[in-house]
N, C-alpha and C. Protein backbone atom coordinates (compact mmCIF):
# COMPACT_ATOMS: atom_id res chain seq x y z
N MET A 1 -7.77 -52.71 62.64
CA MET A 1 -7.21 -53.67 63.55
C MET A 1 -5.79 -54.07 63.12
N LYS A 2 -5.55 -54.10 61.81
CA LYS A 2 -4.21 -54.44 61.33
C LYS A 2 -3.20 -53.37 61.72
N ILE A 3 -3.62 -52.12 61.64
CA ILE A 3 -2.73 -51.02 62.02
C ILE A 3 -2.40 -51.12 63.50
N ARG A 4 -3.39 -51.41 64.31
CA ARG A 4 -3.15 -51.59 65.74
C ARG A 4 -2.16 -52.71 65.99
N ALA A 5 -2.32 -53.82 65.29
CA ALA A 5 -1.41 -54.96 65.46
C ALA A 5 0.03 -54.58 65.10
N ILE A 6 0.18 -53.85 64.02
CA ILE A 6 1.53 -53.43 63.61
C ILE A 6 2.14 -52.52 64.66
N LEU A 7 1.39 -51.53 65.10
CA LEU A 7 1.92 -50.57 66.06
C LEU A 7 2.26 -51.22 67.40
N THR A 8 1.39 -52.08 67.89
CA THR A 8 1.68 -52.72 69.18
C THR A 8 2.85 -53.68 69.06
N ARG A 9 3.01 -54.33 67.92
CA ARG A 9 4.15 -55.22 67.71
C ARG A 9 5.47 -54.46 67.82
N TYR A 10 5.47 -53.20 67.43
CA TYR A 10 6.68 -52.39 67.49
C TYR A 10 6.76 -51.53 68.75
N GLY A 11 5.91 -51.79 69.71
CA GLY A 11 6.02 -51.15 71.01
C GLY A 11 5.25 -49.85 71.20
N PHE A 12 4.41 -49.49 70.25
CA PHE A 12 3.62 -48.27 70.39
C PHE A 12 2.34 -48.58 71.15
N SER A 13 1.85 -47.58 71.86
CA SER A 13 0.60 -47.71 72.60
C SER A 13 -0.54 -47.19 71.74
N VAL A 14 -1.61 -47.97 71.64
CA VAL A 14 -2.80 -47.56 70.89
C VAL A 14 -3.90 -47.29 71.90
N ALA A 15 -4.28 -46.04 72.02
CA ALA A 15 -5.25 -45.64 73.04
C ALA A 15 -6.68 -45.98 72.65
N SER A 16 -7.00 -45.91 71.37
CA SER A 16 -8.38 -46.10 70.96
C SER A 16 -8.43 -46.45 69.48
N ILE A 17 -9.45 -47.21 69.11
CA ILE A 17 -9.73 -47.50 67.71
C ILE A 17 -11.15 -47.02 67.45
N CYS A 18 -11.29 -46.17 66.45
CA CYS A 18 -12.60 -45.60 66.14
C CYS A 18 -12.91 -45.82 64.67
N THR A 19 -14.18 -45.98 64.37
CA THR A 19 -14.58 -46.18 62.98
C THR A 19 -15.18 -44.94 62.34
N THR A 20 -15.45 -43.92 63.14
CA THR A 20 -15.99 -42.68 62.59
C THR A 20 -15.17 -41.49 63.08
N GLY A 21 -15.26 -40.41 62.34
CA GLY A 21 -14.56 -39.19 62.74
C GLY A 21 -15.08 -38.63 64.05
N SER A 22 -16.39 -38.67 64.23
CA SER A 22 -16.95 -38.12 65.46
C SER A 22 -16.52 -38.94 66.68
N ASN A 23 -16.43 -40.25 66.54
CA ASN A 23 -15.94 -41.08 67.64
C ASN A 23 -14.48 -40.76 67.96
N ALA A 24 -13.68 -40.57 66.93
CA ALA A 24 -12.27 -40.25 67.13
C ALA A 24 -12.11 -38.91 67.84
N LEU A 25 -12.86 -37.92 67.41
CA LEU A 25 -12.79 -36.60 68.04
C LEU A 25 -13.22 -36.66 69.49
N ALA A 26 -14.24 -37.45 69.79
CA ALA A 26 -14.70 -37.60 71.17
C ALA A 26 -13.64 -38.31 72.01
N ALA A 27 -13.01 -39.33 71.46
CA ALA A 27 -11.98 -40.07 72.19
C ALA A 27 -10.77 -39.18 72.50
N MET A 28 -10.45 -38.27 71.59
CA MET A 28 -9.29 -37.40 71.79
C MET A 28 -9.48 -36.44 72.96
N THR A 29 -10.71 -36.09 73.27
CA THR A 29 -10.95 -35.16 74.38
C THR A 29 -10.56 -35.78 75.71
N GLU A 30 -10.48 -37.10 75.76
CA GLU A 30 -10.12 -37.80 76.99
C GLU A 30 -8.63 -38.09 77.09
N LEU A 31 -7.86 -37.68 76.09
CA LEU A 31 -6.42 -37.97 76.05
C LEU A 31 -5.62 -36.67 76.12
N ASP A 32 -4.36 -36.79 76.51
CA ASP A 32 -3.48 -35.63 76.64
C ASP A 32 -2.80 -35.24 75.34
N GLY A 33 -2.82 -36.11 74.35
CA GLY A 33 -2.16 -35.82 73.09
C GLY A 33 -1.79 -37.10 72.39
N GLY A 34 -1.30 -36.95 71.16
CA GLY A 34 -0.89 -38.12 70.41
C GLY A 34 -1.07 -37.92 68.92
N ILE A 35 -1.22 -39.04 68.23
CA ILE A 35 -1.35 -39.04 66.78
C ILE A 35 -2.66 -39.71 66.41
N LEU A 36 -3.42 -39.05 65.55
CA LEU A 36 -4.62 -39.65 64.99
C LEU A 36 -4.25 -40.18 63.62
N ILE A 37 -4.37 -41.48 63.44
CA ILE A 37 -4.11 -42.11 62.14
C ILE A 37 -5.46 -42.25 61.46
N CYS A 38 -5.57 -41.64 60.30
CA CYS A 38 -6.88 -41.47 59.67
C CYS A 38 -6.80 -41.77 58.18
N GLY A 39 -7.82 -42.43 57.68
CA GLY A 39 -7.95 -42.62 56.25
C GLY A 39 -8.55 -41.39 55.59
N TYR A 40 -8.61 -41.41 54.29
CA TYR A 40 -9.13 -40.28 53.51
C TYR A 40 -10.60 -40.02 53.80
N HIS A 41 -11.40 -41.09 53.85
CA HIS A 41 -12.84 -40.94 53.99
C HIS A 41 -13.34 -41.87 55.09
N LEU A 42 -13.90 -41.28 56.12
CA LEU A 42 -14.53 -42.03 57.20
C LEU A 42 -16.03 -42.06 56.91
N PRO A 43 -16.79 -42.93 57.58
CA PRO A 43 -18.22 -43.01 57.27
C PRO A 43 -18.99 -41.69 57.45
N ASP A 44 -18.52 -40.84 58.36
CA ASP A 44 -19.27 -39.61 58.63
C ASP A 44 -18.58 -38.33 58.19
N MET A 45 -17.35 -38.40 57.75
CA MET A 45 -16.65 -37.19 57.32
C MET A 45 -15.35 -37.54 56.59
N TYR A 46 -14.81 -36.55 55.92
CA TYR A 46 -13.51 -36.69 55.26
C TYR A 46 -12.41 -36.23 56.22
N TYR A 47 -11.17 -36.60 55.90
CA TYR A 47 -10.05 -36.23 56.77
C TYR A 47 -9.94 -34.72 56.95
N ARG A 48 -10.31 -33.94 55.95
CA ARG A 48 -10.25 -32.48 56.07
C ARG A 48 -11.22 -31.96 57.13
N ASP A 49 -12.36 -32.62 57.26
CA ASP A 49 -13.31 -32.25 58.30
C ASP A 49 -12.73 -32.57 59.68
N VAL A 50 -12.09 -33.72 59.80
CA VAL A 50 -11.46 -34.09 61.06
C VAL A 50 -10.38 -33.07 61.42
N MET A 51 -9.61 -32.64 60.43
CA MET A 51 -8.55 -31.66 60.66
C MET A 51 -9.08 -30.37 61.28
N GLU A 52 -10.25 -29.95 60.85
CA GLU A 52 -10.84 -28.70 61.35
C GLU A 52 -11.09 -28.75 62.85
N TYR A 53 -11.44 -29.92 63.35
CA TYR A 53 -11.79 -30.07 64.76
C TYR A 53 -10.70 -30.74 65.59
N LEU A 54 -9.58 -31.05 64.97
CA LEU A 54 -8.48 -31.74 65.65
C LEU A 54 -7.90 -30.84 66.75
N PRO A 55 -7.84 -31.34 67.98
CA PRO A 55 -7.23 -30.54 69.05
C PRO A 55 -5.78 -30.21 68.72
N THR A 56 -5.30 -29.10 69.21
CA THR A 56 -3.93 -28.67 68.91
C THR A 56 -2.88 -29.61 69.47
N TYR A 57 -3.24 -30.39 70.46
CA TYR A 57 -2.29 -31.32 71.07
C TYR A 57 -2.27 -32.68 70.38
N PHE A 58 -2.88 -32.77 69.19
CA PHE A 58 -2.85 -33.98 68.38
C PHE A 58 -2.28 -33.68 67.01
N GLU A 59 -1.63 -34.68 66.42
CA GLU A 59 -1.14 -34.61 65.05
C GLU A 59 -1.97 -35.59 64.23
N LEU A 60 -2.08 -35.33 62.93
CA LEU A 60 -2.84 -36.20 62.04
C LEU A 60 -1.87 -36.89 61.09
N LEU A 61 -2.03 -38.20 60.96
CA LEU A 61 -1.29 -38.98 59.97
C LEU A 61 -2.32 -39.53 59.00
N LEU A 62 -2.22 -39.13 57.75
CA LEU A 62 -3.17 -39.51 56.72
C LEU A 62 -2.68 -40.75 55.98
N LEU A 63 -3.53 -41.76 55.90
CA LEU A 63 -3.25 -42.96 55.10
C LEU A 63 -4.14 -42.87 53.87
N ALA A 64 -3.53 -42.73 52.68
CA ALA A 64 -4.33 -42.50 51.48
C ALA A 64 -3.54 -42.85 50.23
N SER A 65 -4.24 -42.79 49.11
CA SER A 65 -3.61 -43.03 47.81
C SER A 65 -2.69 -41.87 47.45
N SER A 66 -1.83 -42.10 46.49
CA SER A 66 -0.91 -41.04 46.07
C SER A 66 -1.67 -39.83 45.52
N ARG A 67 -2.80 -40.04 44.87
CA ARG A 67 -3.60 -38.94 44.34
C ARG A 67 -4.12 -38.05 45.46
N VAL A 68 -4.67 -38.65 46.49
CA VAL A 68 -5.19 -37.89 47.63
C VAL A 68 -4.05 -37.17 48.35
N ILE A 69 -2.94 -37.84 48.53
CA ILE A 69 -1.80 -37.24 49.22
C ILE A 69 -1.29 -36.02 48.44
N SER A 70 -1.27 -36.12 47.12
CA SER A 70 -0.78 -34.99 46.31
C SER A 70 -1.69 -33.77 46.44
N GLU A 71 -2.95 -33.97 46.78
CA GLU A 71 -3.90 -32.87 46.93
C GLU A 71 -4.00 -32.37 48.37
N ALA A 72 -3.39 -33.10 49.31
CA ALA A 72 -3.48 -32.74 50.73
C ALA A 72 -2.58 -31.55 51.04
N PRO A 73 -2.92 -30.78 52.07
CA PRO A 73 -2.04 -29.67 52.48
C PRO A 73 -0.65 -30.20 52.84
N SER A 74 0.36 -29.41 52.56
CA SER A 74 1.74 -29.85 52.81
C SER A 74 2.04 -30.03 54.30
N SER A 75 1.21 -29.47 55.16
CA SER A 75 1.42 -29.61 56.60
C SER A 75 0.99 -30.97 57.14
N ILE A 76 0.33 -31.77 56.31
CA ILE A 76 -0.16 -33.09 56.73
C ILE A 76 0.88 -34.15 56.40
N LEU A 77 1.26 -34.92 57.41
CA LEU A 77 2.12 -36.06 57.15
C LEU A 77 1.26 -37.20 56.67
N SER A 78 1.81 -38.01 55.77
CA SER A 78 1.00 -39.07 55.18
C SER A 78 1.85 -40.29 54.87
N VAL A 79 1.16 -41.41 54.73
CA VAL A 79 1.75 -42.67 54.29
C VAL A 79 0.87 -43.16 53.15
N GLU A 80 1.52 -43.50 52.05
CA GLU A 80 0.79 -43.92 50.86
C GLU A 80 0.27 -45.34 51.00
N MET A 81 -0.97 -45.52 50.57
CA MET A 81 -1.60 -46.84 50.56
C MET A 81 -1.45 -47.44 49.17
N PRO A 82 -1.25 -48.73 49.02
CA PRO A 82 -1.03 -49.68 50.12
C PRO A 82 0.31 -49.38 50.79
N MET A 83 0.33 -49.58 52.09
CA MET A 83 1.50 -49.18 52.86
C MET A 83 2.33 -50.38 53.28
N LYS A 84 3.57 -50.08 53.55
CA LYS A 84 4.48 -51.06 54.14
C LYS A 84 4.47 -50.80 55.64
N ALA A 85 4.54 -51.86 56.42
CA ALA A 85 4.55 -51.71 57.87
C ALA A 85 5.71 -50.82 58.31
N SER A 86 6.86 -50.96 57.66
CA SER A 86 8.03 -50.16 58.04
C SER A 86 7.79 -48.67 57.80
N ASP A 87 7.06 -48.32 56.73
CA ASP A 87 6.76 -46.91 56.48
C ASP A 87 5.88 -46.33 57.59
N LEU A 88 4.88 -47.10 58.00
CA LEU A 88 3.99 -46.66 59.07
C LEU A 88 4.76 -46.50 60.38
N VAL A 89 5.54 -47.50 60.74
CA VAL A 89 6.29 -47.48 62.00
C VAL A 89 7.29 -46.33 62.01
N ASN A 90 8.02 -46.15 60.94
CA ASN A 90 9.02 -45.08 60.88
C ASN A 90 8.36 -43.70 60.95
N THR A 91 7.23 -43.52 60.28
CA THR A 91 6.54 -42.23 60.30
C THR A 91 5.98 -41.93 61.69
N VAL A 92 5.36 -42.91 62.32
CA VAL A 92 4.82 -42.71 63.67
C VAL A 92 5.96 -42.41 64.65
N ASP A 93 7.06 -43.13 64.53
CA ASP A 93 8.21 -42.90 65.41
C ASP A 93 8.74 -41.48 65.24
N MET A 94 8.85 -41.02 64.00
CA MET A 94 9.32 -39.66 63.73
C MET A 94 8.36 -38.62 64.31
N MET A 95 7.06 -38.85 64.13
CA MET A 95 6.06 -37.90 64.64
C MET A 95 6.09 -37.82 66.17
N LEU A 96 6.21 -38.97 66.81
CA LEU A 96 6.27 -38.99 68.29
C LEU A 96 7.53 -38.28 68.79
N SER A 97 8.64 -38.44 68.09
CA SER A 97 9.87 -37.74 68.47
C SER A 97 9.68 -36.23 68.39
N GLN A 98 9.01 -35.77 67.33
CA GLN A 98 8.76 -34.34 67.19
C GLN A 98 7.81 -33.84 68.26
N ILE A 99 6.81 -34.63 68.62
CA ILE A 99 5.87 -34.22 69.67
C ILE A 99 6.59 -34.10 71.01
N GLU A 100 7.47 -35.05 71.30
CA GLU A 100 8.19 -35.04 72.56
C GLU A 100 9.10 -33.82 72.70
N ARG A 101 9.61 -33.33 71.57
CA ARG A 101 10.47 -32.13 71.60
C ARG A 101 9.61 -30.95 71.94
């Protein structure tokens, strides 16, 4: 909910908030594209599992510790936890710009 508050405060649209990977994947099927902001470990799966099923029209933004980020594939964009609101906003803005191109 805090992430949603930060994003909406800066003018971003939040389509859905999900607490499990399976809920997030189901919600994405109803959308045309966007960014999935995901922690390292969800109640039903890890971020790597979510990546396997992520639709091609979505990007993944990983929020995790520096240790997890260092082990993540280089193709994954990430923000280190604990995060600064400005880091999250700037990363999401950059990702949306790339998607629009």
